[in-house]
Amino acid sequence: MSGPVIEALAGSPDLAARYAAFRDAAHDALGPELVEAVRGAVAEVHGAPVEHAPGVAPEAVLAFARRMVFEHTAITDEEAAAVASELGEPGLVALSVVAALADAECRARAIDLPGLASA
């Protein structure tokens, strides 16, 4: 998988590989269907039209992912506990990473980070 962050890191292959390994480990922890649902929820917050596959992710998980974009400091212990009860503690950590990186990818795309990096 590529994306604007990996593309922007093209001039630093070691850093790009480390970023990709970190991202892939978080993705592996959640599984491809849940990762796509989370990435879609985050993209939707950024204004991208997204089709939802029903039943792929519990609503508590998607709500958490959406809040990570602009309200991460307002996520309550109860919201985190609801996600942990769905995914377990390691899943909660992986979800946080996947949502944060999906947010970074959306923001990098919006400012054309690859173009800025190569300028």
PDB file of N, CA and C in Angstrom:
ATOM      1  N   MET A   1       0.846  -1.168   0.000  1.00  0.00           N
ATOM      2  CA  MET A   1       0.000   0.000   0.000  1.00  0.00           C
ATOM      3  C   MET A   1       0.891   1.230   0.000  1.00  0.00           C
ATOM      4  N   SER A   2       0.526   2.181  -0.809  1.00  0.00           N
ATOM      5  CA  SER A   2       1.270   3.438  -0.816  1.00  0.00           C
ATOM      6  C   SER A   2       0.355   4.519  -0.276  1.00  0.00           C
ATOM      7  N   GLY A   3       0.625   5.706  -0.585  1.00  0.00           N
ATOM      8  CA  GLY A   3      -0.174   6.835  -0.133  1.00  0.00           C
ATOM      9  C   GLY A   3       0.698   8.069  -0.130  1.00  0.00           C
ATOM     10  N   PRO A   4       0.120   9.218   0.165  1.00  0.00           N
ATOM     11  CA  PRO A   4       0.878  10.458   0.067  1.00  0.00           C
ATOM     12  C   PRO A   4       2.043  10.549   1.050  1.00  0.00           C
ATOM     13  N   VAL A   5       1.939   9.933   2.208  1.00  0.00           N
ATOM     14  CA  VAL A   5       3.062   9.993   3.149  1.00  0.00           C
ATOM     15  C   VAL A   5       4.236   9.175   2.611  1.00  0.00           C
ATOM     16  N   ILE A   6       3.961   7.949   2.163  1.00  0.00           N
ATOM     17  CA  ILE A   6       5.025   7.116   1.582  1.00  0.00           C
ATOM     18  C   ILE A   6       5.623   7.813   0.362  1.00  0.00           C
ATOM     19  N   GLU A   7       4.781   8.393  -0.473  1.00  0.00           N
ATOM     20  CA  GLU A   7       5.281   9.098  -1.652  1.00  0.00           C
ATOM     21  C   GLU A   7       6.170  10.277  -1.254  1.00  0.00           C
ATOM     22  N   ALA A   8       5.779  11.001  -0.206  1.00  0.00           N
ATOM     23  CA  ALA A   8       6.574  12.146   0.250  1.00  0.00           C
ATOM     24  C   ALA A   8       7.912  11.700   0.822  1.00  0.00           C
ATOM     25  N   LEU A   9       7.979  10.469   1.311  1.00  0.00           N
ATOM     26  CA  LEU A   9       9.214   9.945   1.888  1.00  0.00           C
ATOM     27  C   LEU A   9      10.097   9.243   0.851  1.00  0.00           C
ATOM     28  N   ALA A  10       9.760   9.369  -0.415  1.00  0.00           N
ATOM     29  CA  ALA A  10      10.497   8.676  -1.472  1.00  0.00           C
ATOM     30  C   ALA A  10      11.986   9.006  -1.450  1.00  0.00           C
ATOM     31  N   GLY A  11      12.341  10.187  -1.037  1.00  0.00           N
ATOM     32  CA  GLY A  11      13.744  10.570  -0.979  1.00  0.00           C
ATOM     33  C   GLY A  11      14.486   9.979   0.206  1.00  0.00           C
ATOM     34  N   SER A  12      13.752   9.328   1.092  1.00  0.00           N
ATOM     35  CA  SER A  12      14.354   8.711   2.271  1.00  0.00           C
ATOM     36  C   SER A  12      13.818   7.282   2.397  1.00  0.00           C
ATOM     37  N   PRO A  13      14.335   6.371   1.579  1.00  0.00           N
ATOM     38  CA  PRO A  13      13.782   5.014   1.530  1.00  0.00           C
ATOM     39  C   PRO A  13      13.764   4.289   2.875  1.00  0.00           C
ATOM     40  N   ASP A  14      14.773   4.509   3.709  1.00  0.00           N
ATOM     41  CA  ASP A  14      14.795   3.842   5.016  1.00  0.00           C
ATOM     42  C   ASP A  14      13.638   4.332   5.885  1.00  0.00           C
ATOM     43  N   LEU A  15      13.420   5.629   5.915  1.00  0.00           N
ATOM     44  CA  LEU A  15      12.319   6.185   6.692  1.00  0.00           C
ATOM     45  C   LEU A  15      10.978   5.718   6.125  1.00  0.00           C
ATOM     46  N   ALA A  16      10.847   5.697   4.810  1.00  0.00           N
ATOM     47  CA  ALA A  16       9.614   5.217   4.175  1.00  0.00           C
ATOM     48  C   ALA A  16       9.348   3.763   4.556  1.00  0.00           C
ATOM     49  N   ALA A  17      10.371   2.944   4.566  1.00  0.00           N
ATOM     50  CA  ALA A  17      10.213   1.529   4.929  1.00  0.00           C
ATOM     51  C   ALA A  17       9.807   1.388   6.386  1.00  0.00           C
ATOM     52  N   ARG A  18      10.384   2.189   7.254  1.00  0.00           N
ATOM     53  CA  ARG A  18      10.027   2.131   8.684  1.00  0.00           C
ATOM     54  C   ARG A  18       8.586   2.582   8.910  1.00  0.00           C
ATOM     55  N   TYR A  19       8.196   3.657   8.231  1.00  0.00           N
ATOM     56  CA  TYR A  19       6.812   4.129   8.332  1.00  0.00           C
ATOM     57  C   TYR A  19       5.862   3.036   7.842  1.00  0.00           C
ATOM     58  N   ALA A  20       6.154   2.456   6.704  1.00  0.00           N
ATOM     59  CA  ALA A  20       5.291   1.413   6.135  1.00  0.00           C
ATOM     60  C   ALA A  20       5.197   0.213   7.075  1.00  0.00           C
ATOM     61  N   ALA A  21       6.310  -0.178   7.678  1.00  0.00           N
ATOM     62  CA  ALA A  21       6.295  -1.317   8.608  1.00  0.00           C
ATOM     63  C   ALA A  21       5.440  -1.007   9.832  1.00  0.00           C
ATOM     64  N   PHE A  22       5.552   0.195  10.353  1.00  0.00           N
ATOM     65  CA  PHE A  22       4.743   0.610  11.503  1.00  0.00           C
ATOM     66  C   PHE A  22       3.256   0.600  11.145  1.00  0.00           C
ATOM     67  N   ARG A  23       2.933   1.216  10.008  1.00  0.00           N
ATOM     68  CA  ARG A  23       1.546   1.260   9.540  1.00  0.00           C
ATOM     69  C   ARG A  23       1.012  -0.145   9.301  1.00  0.00           C
ATOM     70  N   ASP A  24       1.793  -0.983   8.643  1.00  0.00           N
ATOM     71  CA  ASP A  24       1.344  -2.335   8.317  1.00  0.00           C
ATOM     72  C   ASP A  24       1.114  -3.174   9.575  1.00  0.00           C
ATOM     73  N   ALA A  25       1.945  -2.981  10.603  1.00  0.00           N
ATOM     74  CA  ALA A  25       1.757  -3.724  11.847  1.00  0.00           C
ATOM     75  C   ALA A  25       0.424  -3.352  12.504  1.00  0.00           C
ATOM     76  N   ALA A  26       0.089  -2.078  12.486  1.00  0.00           N
ATOM     77  CA  ALA A  26      -1.195  -1.647  13.044  1.00  0.00           C
ATOM     78  C   ALA A  26      -2.346  -2.194  12.205  1.00  0.00           C
ATOM     79  N   HIS A  27      -2.196  -2.165  10.893  1.00  0.00           N
ATOM     80  CA  HIS A  27      -3.233  -2.700  10.005  1.00  0.00           C
ATOM     81  C   HIS A  27      -3.423  -4.197  10.244  1.00  0.00           C
ATOM     82  N   ASP A  28      -2.321  -4.922  10.367  1.00  0.00           N
ATOM     83  CA  ASP A  28      -2.398  -6.367  10.604  1.00  0.00           C
ATOM     84  C   ASP A  28      -3.126  -6.673  11.911  1.00  0.00           C
ATOM     85  N   ALA A  29      -2.946  -5.836  12.908  1.00  0.00           N
ATOM     86  CA  ALA A  29      -3.581  -6.062  14.208  1.00  0.00           C
ATOM     87  C   ALA A  29      -5.101  -5.929  14.133  1.00  0.00           C
ATOM     88  N   LEU A  30      -5.595  -5.112  13.209  1.00  0.00           N
ATOM     89  CA  LEU A  30      -7.051  -4.927  13.081  1.00  0.00           C
ATOM     90  C   LEU A  30      -7.672  -5.801  12.003  1.00  0.00           C
ATOM     91  N   GLY A  31      -6.931  -6.126  10.980  1.00  0.00           N
ATOM     92  CA  GLY A  31      -7.490  -6.885   9.866  1.00  0.00           C
ATOM     93  C   GLY A  31      -7.982  -5.964   8.777  1.00  0.00           C
ATOM     94  N   PRO A  32      -7.969  -6.446   7.534  1.00  0.00           N
ATOM     95  CA  PRO A  32      -8.239  -5.571   6.381  1.00  0.00           C
ATOM     96  C   PRO A  32      -9.637  -4.959   6.349  1.00  0.00           C
ATOM     97  N   GLU A  33     -10.659  -5.703   6.723  1.00  0.00           N
ATOM     98  CA  GLU A  33     -12.015  -5.144   6.655  1.00  0.00           C
ATOM     99  C   GLU A  33     -12.193  -4.009   7.651  1.00  0.00           C
ATOM    100  N   LEU A  34     -11.708  -4.214   8.865  1.00  0.00           N
ATOM    101  CA  LEU A  34     -11.841  -3.175   9.883  1.00  0.00           C
ATOM    102  C   LEU A  34     -10.977  -1.963   9.540  1.00  0.00           C
ATOM    103  N   VAL A  35      -9.788  -2.197   9.016  1.00  0.00           N
ATOM    104  CA  VAL A  35      -8.927  -1.081   8.598  1.00  0.00           C
ATOM    105  C   VAL A  35      -9.634  -0.240   7.546  1.00  0.00           C
ATOM    106  N   GLU A  36     -10.226  -0.873   6.556  1.00  0.00           N
ATOM    107  CA  GLU A  36     -10.918  -0.111   5.512  1.00  0.00           C
ATOM    108  C   GLU A  36     -12.109   0.658   6.068  1.00  0.00           C
ATOM    109  N   ALA A  37     -12.822   0.068   7.010  1.00  0.00           N
ATOM    110  CA  ALA A  37     -13.944   0.768   7.640  1.00  0.00           C
ATOM    111  C   ALA A  37     -13.447   1.988   8.408  1.00  0.00           C
ATOM    112  N   VAL A  38     -12.358   1.842   9.131  1.00  0.00           N
ATOM    113  CA  VAL A  38     -11.792   2.954   9.901  1.00  0.00           C
ATOM    114  C   VAL A  38     -11.261   4.024   8.957  1.00  0.00           C
ATOM    115  N   ARG A  39     -10.533   3.608   7.938  1.00  0.00           N
ATOM    116  CA  ARG A  39     -10.021   4.588   6.972  1.00  0.00           C
ATOM    117  C   ARG A  39     -11.183   5.336   6.300  1.00  0.00           C
ATOM    118  N   GLY A  40     -12.261   4.637   6.003  1.00  0.00           N
ATOM    119  CA  GLY A  40     -13.434   5.276   5.414  1.00  0.00           C
ATOM    120  C   GLY A  40     -14.083   6.268   6.357  1.00  0.00           C
ATOM    121  N   ALA A  41     -14.195   5.898   7.633  1.00  0.00           N
ATOM    122  CA  ALA A  41     -14.791   6.803   8.627  1.00  0.00           C
ATOM    123  C   ALA A  41     -13.958   8.075   8.764  1.00  0.00           C
ATOM    124  N   VAL A  42     -12.644   7.921   8.766  1.00  0.00           N
ATOM    125  CA  VAL A  42     -11.758   9.085   8.872  1.00  0.00           C
ATOM    126  C   VAL A  42     -11.851   9.935   7.603  1.00  0.00           C
ATOM    127  N   ALA A  43     -11.832   9.309   6.449  1.00  0.00           N
ATOM    128  CA  ALA A  43     -11.944  10.049   5.191  1.00  0.00           C
ATOM    129  C   ALA A  43     -13.262  10.808   5.113  1.00  0.00           C
ATOM    130  N   GLU A  44     -14.304  10.199   5.634  1.00  0.00           N
ATOM    131  CA  GLU A  44     -15.614  10.855   5.639  1.00  0.00           C
ATOM    132  C   GLU A  44     -15.585  12.137   6.473  1.00  0.00           C
ATOM    133  N   VAL A  45     -14.892  12.120   7.597  1.00  0.00           N
ATOM    134  CA  VAL A  45     -14.762  13.325   8.423  1.00  0.00           C
ATOM    135  C   VAL A  45     -14.070  14.425   7.627  1.00  0.00           C
ATOM    136  N   HIS A  46     -13.152  14.035   6.761  1.00  0.00           N
ATOM    137  CA  HIS A  46     -12.435  15.003   5.926  1.00  0.00           C
ATOM    138  C   HIS A  46     -13.240  15.409   4.696  1.00  0.00           C
ATOM    139  N   GLY A  47     -14.454  14.897   4.557  1.00  0.00           N
ATOM    140  CA  GLY A  47     -15.330  15.320   3.470  1.00  0.00           C
ATOM    141  C   GLY A  47     -15.359  14.423   2.261  1.00  0.00           C
ATOM    142  N   ALA A  48     -14.674  13.299   2.312  1.00  0.00           N
ATOM    143  CA  ALA A  48     -14.692  12.375   1.181  1.00  0.00           C
ATOM    144  C   ALA A  48     -15.967  11.541   1.208  1.00  0.00           C
ATOM    145  N   PRO A  49     -16.604  11.357   0.053  1.00  0.00           N
ATOM    146  CA  PRO A  49     -17.779  10.473   0.029  1.00  0.00           C
ATOM    147  C   PRO A  49     -17.319   9.025   0.192  1.00  0.00           C
ATOM    148  N   VAL A  50     -17.970   8.313   1.086  1.00  0.00           N
ATOM    149  CA  VAL A  50     -17.561   6.943   1.380  1.00  0.00           C
ATOM    150  C   VAL A  50     -18.789   6.054   1.423  1.00  0.00           C
ATOM    151  N   GLU A  51     -18.692   4.908   0.765  1.00  0.00           N
ATOM    152  CA  GLU A  51     -19.750   3.903   0.874  1.00  0.00           C
ATOM    153  C   GLU A  51     -19.426   3.005   2.051  1.00  0.00           C
ATOM    154  N   HIS A  52     -20.439   2.727   2.861  1.00  0.00           N
ATOM    155  CA  HIS A  52     -20.229   1.906   4.047  1.00  0.00           C
ATOM    156  C   HIS A  52     -20.713   0.486   3.804  1.00  0.00           C
ATOM    157  N   ALA A  53     -19.867  -0.461   4.161  1.00  0.00           N
ATOM    158  CA  ALA A  53     -20.288  -1.858   4.145  1.00  0.00           C
ATOM    159  C   ALA A  53     -20.965  -2.128   5.489  1.00  0.00           C
ATOM    160  N   PRO A  54     -22.230  -2.468   5.473  1.00  0.00           N
ATOM    161  CA  PRO A  54     -22.941  -2.639   6.736  1.00  0.00           C
ATOM    162  C   PRO A  54     -22.366  -3.780   7.569  1.00  0.00           C
ATOM    163  N   GLY A  55     -22.280  -3.521   8.881  1.00  0.00           N
ATOM    164  CA  GLY A  55     -21.892  -4.563   9.816  1.00  0.00           C
ATOM    165  C   GLY A  55     -20.422  -4.911   9.864  1.00  0.00           C
ATOM    166  N   VAL A  56     -19.561  -4.180   9.145  1.00  0.00           N
ATOM    167  CA  VAL A  56     -18.138  -4.501   9.135  1.00  0.00           C
ATOM    168  C   VAL A  56     -17.490  -4.114  10.466  1.00  0.00           C
ATOM    169  N   ALA A  57     -17.898  -2.978  11.024  1.00  0.00           N
ATOM    170  CA  ALA A  57     -17.293  -2.496  12.263  1.00  0.00           C
ATOM    171  C   ALA A  57     -18.386  -2.068  13.237  1.00  0.00           C
ATOM    172  N   PRO A  58     -18.198  -2.360  14.517  1.00  0.00           N
ATOM    173  CA  PRO A  58     -19.156  -1.876  15.516  1.00  0.00           C
ATOM    174  C   PRO A  58     -19.193  -0.346  15.525  1.00  0.00           C
ATOM    175  N   GLU A  59     -20.341   0.221  15.800  1.00  0.00           N
ATOM    176  CA  GLU A  59     -20.494   1.672  15.775  1.00  0.00           C
ATOM    177  C   GLU A  59     -19.559   2.356  16.766  1.00  0.00           C
ATOM    178  N   ALA A  60     -19.309   1.743  17.924  1.00  0.00           N
ATOM    179  CA  ALA A  60     -18.393   2.345  18.903  1.00  0.00           C
ATOM    180  C   ALA A  60     -17.000   2.518  18.307  1.00  0.00           C
ATOM    181  N   VAL A  61     -16.585   1.577  17.484  1.00  0.00           N
ATOM    182  CA  VAL A  61     -15.264   1.633  16.848  1.00  0.00           C
ATOM    183  C   VAL A  61     -15.226   2.761  15.823  1.00  0.00           C
ATOM    184  N   LEU A  62     -16.257   2.861  15.001  1.00  0.00           N
ATOM    185  CA  LEU A  62     -16.284   3.917  13.980  1.00  0.00           C
ATOM    186  C   LEU A  62     -16.414   5.291  14.613  1.00  0.00           C
ATOM    187  N   ALA A  63     -17.210   5.407  15.679  1.00  0.00           N
ATOM    188  CA  ALA A  63     -17.349   6.689  16.368  1.00  0.00           C
ATOM    189  C   ALA A  63     -16.010   7.127  16.952  1.00  0.00           C
ATOM    190  N   PHE A  64     -15.279   6.185  17.535  1.00  0.00           N
ATOM    191  CA  PHE A  64     -13.951   6.474  18.076  1.00  0.00           C
ATOM    192  C   PHE A  64     -13.031   6.964  16.959  1.00  0.00           C
ATOM    193  N   ALA A  65     -13.032   6.280  15.839  1.00  0.00           N
ATOM    194  CA  ALA A  65     -12.181   6.661  14.705  1.00  0.00           C
ATOM    195  C   ALA A  65     -12.524   8.059  14.210  1.00  0.00           C
ATOM    196  N   ARG A  66     -13.808   8.370  14.124  1.00  0.00           N
ATOM    197  CA  ARG A  66     -14.221   9.697  13.658  1.00  0.00           C
ATOM    198  C   ARG A  66     -13.756  10.781  14.624  1.00  0.00           C
ATOM    199  N   ARG A  67     -13.838  10.497  15.915  1.00  0.00           N
ATOM    200  CA  ARG A  67     -13.459  11.501  16.917  1.00  0.00           C
ATOM    201  C   ARG A  67     -11.955  11.699  16.972  1.00  0.00           C
ATOM    202  N   MET A  68     -11.174  10.704  16.572  1.00  0.00           N
ATOM    203  CA  MET A  68      -9.717  10.838  16.585  1.00  0.00           C
ATOM    204  C   MET A  68      -9.249  11.994  15.693  1.00  0.00           C
ATOM    205  N   VAL A  69     -10.028  12.329  14.689  1.00  0.00           N
ATOM    206  CA  VAL A  69      -9.609  13.337  13.709  1.00  0.00           C
ATOM    207  C   VAL A  69      -9.533  14.737  14.310  1.00  0.00           C
ATOM    208  N   PHE A  70     -10.593  15.200  14.941  1.00  0.00           N
ATOM    209  CA  PHE A  70     -10.638  16.569  15.456  1.00  0.00           C
ATOM    210  C   PHE A  70     -10.946  16.652  16.942  1.00  0.00           C
ATOM    211  N   GLU A  71     -11.261  15.526  17.571  1.00  0.00           N
ATOM    212  CA  GLU A  71     -11.681  15.558  18.969  1.00  0.00           C
ATOM    213  C   GLU A  71     -10.958  14.520  19.825  1.00  0.00           C
ATOM    214  N   HIS A  72      -9.750  14.172  19.470  1.00  0.00           N
ATOM    215  CA  HIS A  72      -9.069  13.089  20.176  1.00  0.00           C
ATOM    216  C   HIS A  72      -8.896  13.374  21.662  1.00  0.00           C
ATOM    217  N   THR A  73      -8.745  14.635  22.044  1.00  0.00           N
ATOM    218  CA  THR A  73      -8.566  14.942  23.459  1.00  0.00           C
ATOM    219  C   THR A  73      -9.883  14.879  24.235  1.00  0.00           C
ATOM    220  N   ALA A  74     -10.995  14.791  23.523  1.00  0.00           N
ATOM    221  CA  ALA A  74     -12.302  14.733  24.177  1.00  0.00           C
ATOM    222  C   ALA A  74     -12.853  13.310  24.289  1.00  0.00           C
ATOM    223  N   ILE A  75     -12.130  12.325  23.776  1.00  0.00           N
ATOM    224  CA  ILE A  75     -12.591  10.941  23.885  1.00  0.00           C
ATOM    225  C   ILE A  75     -12.585  10.555  25.357  1.00  0.00           C
ATOM    226  N   THR A  76     -13.698  10.037  25.810  1.00  0.00           N
ATOM    227  CA  THR A  76     -13.844   9.718  27.228  1.00  0.00           C
ATOM    228  C   THR A  76     -13.328   8.315  27.540  1.00  0.00           C
ATOM    229  N   ASP A  77     -13.102   8.090  28.816  1.00  0.00           N
ATOM    230  CA  ASP A  77     -12.714   6.752  29.261  1.00  0.00           C
ATOM    231  C   ASP A  77     -13.790   5.736  28.896  1.00  0.00           C
ATOM    232  N   GLU A  78     -15.043   6.150  28.959  1.00  0.00           N
ATOM    233  CA  GLU A  78     -16.143   5.246  28.622  1.00  0.00           C
ATOM    234  C   GLU A  78     -16.126   4.870  27.149  1.00  0.00           C
ATOM    235  N   GLU A  79     -15.837   5.834  26.288  1.00  0.00           N
ATOM    236  CA  GLU A  79     -15.745   5.538  24.858  1.00  0.00           C
ATOM    237  C   GLU A  79     -14.587   4.590  24.574  1.00  0.00           C
ATOM    238  N   ALA A  80     -13.455   4.845  25.202  1.00  0.00           N
ATOM    239  CA  ALA A  80     -12.304   3.957  25.019  1.00  0.00           C
ATOM    240  C   ALA A  80     -12.609   2.566  25.556  1.00  0.00           C
ATOM    241  N   ALA A  81     -13.295   2.494  26.690  1.00  0.00           N
ATOM    242  CA  ALA A  81     -13.651   1.197  27.276  1.00  0.00           C
ATOM    243  C   ALA A  81     -14.606   0.431  26.359  1.00  0.00           C
ATOM    244  N   ALA A  82     -15.518   1.145  25.697  1.00  0.00           N
ATOM    245  CA  ALA A  82     -16.442   0.488  24.767  1.00  0.00           C
ATOM    246  C   ALA A  82     -15.678  -0.137  23.601  1.00  0.00           C
ATOM    247  N   VAL A  83     -14.673   0.562  23.116  1.00  0.00           N
ATOM    248  CA  VAL A  83     -13.853   0.021  22.032  1.00  0.00           C
ATOM    249  C   VAL A  83     -13.022  -1.149  22.546  1.00  0.00           C
ATOM    250  N   ALA A  84     -12.453  -1.006  23.731  1.00  0.00           N
ATOM    251  CA  ALA A  84     -11.648  -2.088  24.304  1.00  0.00           C
ATOM    252  C   ALA A  84     -12.491  -3.336  24.530  1.00  0.00           C
ATOM    253  N   SER A  85     -13.767  -3.154  24.858  1.00  0.00           N
ATOM    254  CA  SER A  85     -14.617  -4.333  25.044  1.00  0.00           C
ATOM    255  C   SER A  85     -14.917  -5.022  23.718  1.00  0.00           C
ATOM    256  N   GLU A  86     -14.876  -4.275  22.625  1.00  0.00           N
ATOM    257  CA  GLU A  86     -15.084  -4.843  21.286  1.00  0.00           C
ATOM    258  C   GLU A  86     -13.807  -5.472  20.726  1.00  0.00           C
ATOM    259  N   LEU A  87     -12.672  -4.785  20.930  1.00  0.00           N
ATOM    260  CA  LEU A  87     -11.433  -5.167  20.257  1.00  0.00           C
ATOM    261  C   LEU A  87     -10.334  -5.650  21.192  1.00  0.00           C
ATOM    262  N   GLY A  88     -10.506  -5.478  22.490  1.00  0.00           N
ATOM    263  CA  GLY A  88      -9.442  -5.744  23.448  1.00  0.00           C
ATOM    264  C   GLY A  88      -8.500  -4.552  23.524  1.00  0.00           C
ATOM    265  N   GLU A  89      -7.672  -4.535  24.549  1.00  0.00           N
ATOM    266  CA  GLU A  89      -6.735  -3.417  24.720  1.00  0.00           C
ATOM    267  C   GLU A  89      -5.762  -3.282  23.548  1.00  0.00           C
ATOM    268  N   PRO A  90      -5.170  -4.389  23.056  1.00  0.00           N
ATOM    269  CA  PRO A  90      -4.280  -4.235  21.893  1.00  0.00           C
ATOM    270  C   PRO A  90      -5.021  -3.695  20.665  1.00  0.00           C
ATOM    271  N   GLY A  91      -6.284  -4.087  20.526  1.00  0.00           N
ATOM    272  CA  GLY A  91      -7.083  -3.586  19.417  1.00  0.00           C
ATOM    273  C   GLY A  91      -7.367  -2.105  19.544  1.00  0.00           C
ATOM    274  N   LEU A  92      -7.585  -1.638  20.774  1.00  0.00           N
ATOM    275  CA  LEU A  92      -7.799  -0.212  21.006  1.00  0.00           C
ATOM    276  C   LEU A  92      -6.555   0.579  20.594  1.00  0.00           C
ATOM    277  N   VAL A  93      -5.387   0.083  20.957  1.00  0.00           N
ATOM    278  CA  VAL A  93      -4.142   0.755  20.578  1.00  0.00           C
ATOM    279  C   VAL A  93      -3.991   0.742  19.055  1.00  0.00           C
ATOM    280  N   ALA A  94      -4.219  -0.405  18.432  1.00  0.00           N
ATOM    281  CA  ALA A  94      -4.106  -0.499  16.974  1.00  0.00           C
ATOM    282  C   ALA A  94      -5.107   0.425  16.289  1.00  0.00           C
ATOM    283  N   LEU A  95      -6.325   0.485  16.805  1.00  0.00           N
ATOM    284  CA  LEU A  95      -7.335   1.377  16.241  1.00  0.00           C
ATOM    285  C   LEU A  95      -6.872   2.826  16.328  1.00  0.00           C
ATOM    286  N   SER A  96      -6.314   3.208  17.457  1.00  0.00           N
ATOM    287  CA  SER A  96      -5.834   4.581  17.617  1.00  0.00           C
ATOM    288  C   SER A  96      -4.757   4.906  16.588  1.00  0.00           C
ATOM    289  N   VAL A  97      -3.844   3.979  16.366  1.00  0.00           N
ATOM    290  CA  VAL A  97      -2.773   4.188  15.399  1.00  0.00           C
ATOM    291  C   VAL A  97      -3.336   4.244  13.978  1.00  0.00           C
ATOM    292  N   VAL A  98      -4.203   3.297  13.643  1.00  0.00           N
ATOM    293  CA  VAL A  98      -4.778   3.264  12.289  1.00  0.00           C
ATOM    294  C   VAL A  98      -5.559   4.543  12.010  1.00  0.00           C
ATOM    295  N   ALA A  99      -6.348   4.994  12.964  1.00  0.00           N
ATOM    296  CA  ALA A  99      -7.129   6.225  12.766  1.00  0.00           C
ATOM    297  C   ALA A  99      -6.214   7.433  12.638  1.00  0.00           C
ATOM    298  N   ALA A 100      -5.183   7.513  13.473  1.00  0.00           N
ATOM    299  CA  ALA A 100      -4.262   8.650  13.402  1.00  0.00           C
ATOM    300  C   ALA A 100      -3.513   8.676  12.071  1.00  0.00           C
ATOM    301  N   LEU A 101      -3.065   7.517  11.617  1.00  0.00           N
ATOM    302  CA  LEU A 101      -2.342   7.470  10.347  1.00  0.00           C
ATOM    303  C   LEU A 101      -3.272   7.728   9.160  1.00  0.00           C
ATOM    304  N   ALA A 102      -4.519   7.264   9.249  1.00  0.00           N
ATOM    305  CA  ALA A 102      -5.488   7.568   8.189  1.00  0.00           C
ATOM    306  C   ALA A 102      -5.741   9.072   8.129  1.00  0.00           C
ATOM    307  N   ASP A 103      -5.814   9.701   9.292  1.00  0.00           N
ATOM    308  CA  ASP A 103      -5.965  11.152   9.356  1.00  0.00           C
ATOM    309  C   ASP A 103      -4.760  11.840   8.720  1.00  0.00           C
ATOM    310  N   ALA A 104      -3.557  11.369   9.042  1.00  0.00           N
ATOM    311  CA  ALA A 104      -2.345  11.949   8.464  1.00  0.00           C
ATOM    312  C   ALA A 104      -2.337  11.807   6.945  1.00  0.00           C
ATOM    313  N   GLU A 105      -2.778  10.645   6.446  1.00  0.00           N
ATOM    314  CA  GLU A 105      -2.830  10.428   4.996  1.00  0.00           C
ATOM    315  C   GLU A 105      -3.819  11.398   4.342  1.00  0.00           C
ATOM    316  N   CYS A 106      -4.973  11.587   4.969  1.00  0.00           N
ATOM    317  CA  CYS A 106      -5.964  12.523   4.406  1.00  0.00           C
ATOM    318  C   CYS A 106      -5.407  13.938   4.371  1.00  0.00           C
ATOM    319  N   ARG A 107      -4.759  14.336   5.440  1.00  0.00           N
ATOM    320  CA  ARG A 107      -4.196  15.692   5.502  1.00  0.00           C
ATOM    321  C   ARG A 107      -3.041  15.846   4.517  1.00  0.00           C
ATOM    322  N   ALA A 108      -2.219  14.814   4.386  1.00  0.00           N
ATOM    323  CA  ALA A 108      -1.098  14.856   3.446  1.00  0.00           C
ATOM    324  C   ALA A 108      -1.603  14.963   2.011  1.00  0.00           C
ATOM    325  N   ARG A 109      -2.688  14.253   1.723  1.00  0.00           N
ATOM    326  CA  ARG A 109      -3.288  14.318   0.387  1.00  0.00           C
ATOM    327  C   ARG A 109      -3.850  15.722   0.135  1.00  0.00           C
ATOM    328  N   ALA A 110      -4.484  16.317   1.142  1.00  0.00           N
ATOM    329  CA  ALA A 110      -5.132  17.622   0.982  1.00  0.00           C
ATOM    330  C   ALA A 110      -4.121  18.728   0.672  1.00  0.00           C
ATOM    331  N   ILE A 111      -2.913  18.594   1.175  1.00  0.00           N
ATOM    332  CA  ILE A 111      -1.900  19.640   0.930  1.00  0.00           C
ATOM    333  C   ILE A 111      -0.888  19.228  -0.125  1.00  0.00           C
ATOM    334  N   ASP A 112      -1.102  18.068  -0.765  1.00  0.00           N
ATOM    335  CA  ASP A 112      -0.168  17.533  -1.758  1.00  0.00           C
ATOM    336  C   ASP A 112       1.239  17.426  -1.177  1.00  0.00           C
ATOM    337  N   LEU A 113       1.339  16.713  -0.072  1.00  0.00           N
ATOM    338  CA  LEU A 113       2.629  16.525   0.585  1.00  0.00           C
ATOM    339  C   LEU A 113       3.699  15.960  -0.356  1.00  0.00           C
ATOM    340  N   PRO A 114       3.361  14.980  -1.213  1.00  0.00           N
ATOM    341  CA  PRO A 114       4.410  14.502  -2.129  1.00  0.00           C
ATOM    342  C   PRO A 114       4.963  15.620  -3.019  1.00  0.00           C
ATOM    343  N   GLY A 115       4.083  16.476  -3.500  1.00  0.00           N
ATOM    344  CA  GLY A 115       4.526  17.587  -4.331  1.00  0.00           C
ATOM    345  C   GLY A 115       5.385  18.572  -3.551  1.00  0.00           C
ATOM    346  N   LEU A 116       5.022  18.825  -2.317  1.00  0.00           N
ATOM    347  CA  LEU A 116       5.816  19.723  -1.488  1.00  0.00           C
ATOM    348  C   LEU A 116       7.188  19.122  -1.181  1.00  0.00           C
ATOM    349  N   ALA A 117       7.213  17.802  -0.943  1.00  0.00           N
ATOM    350  CA  ALA A 117       8.472  17.128  -0.608  1.00  0.00           C
ATOM    351  C   ALA A 117       9.446  17.131  -1.778  1.00  0.00           C
ATOM    352  N   SER A 118       8.894  17.110  -2.987  1.00  0.00           N
ATOM    353  CA  SER A 118       9.784  17.047  -4.154  1.00  0.00           C
ATOM    354  C   SER A 118      10.120  18.433  -4.705  1.00  0.00           C
ATOM    355  N   ALA A 119       9.518  19.449  -4.156  1.00  0.00           N
ATOM    356  CA  ALA A 119       9.767  20.821  -4.661  1.00  0.00           C
ATOM    357  C   ALA A 119      11.123  21.346  -4.244  1.00  0.00           C
TER     358      ALA A 119
END
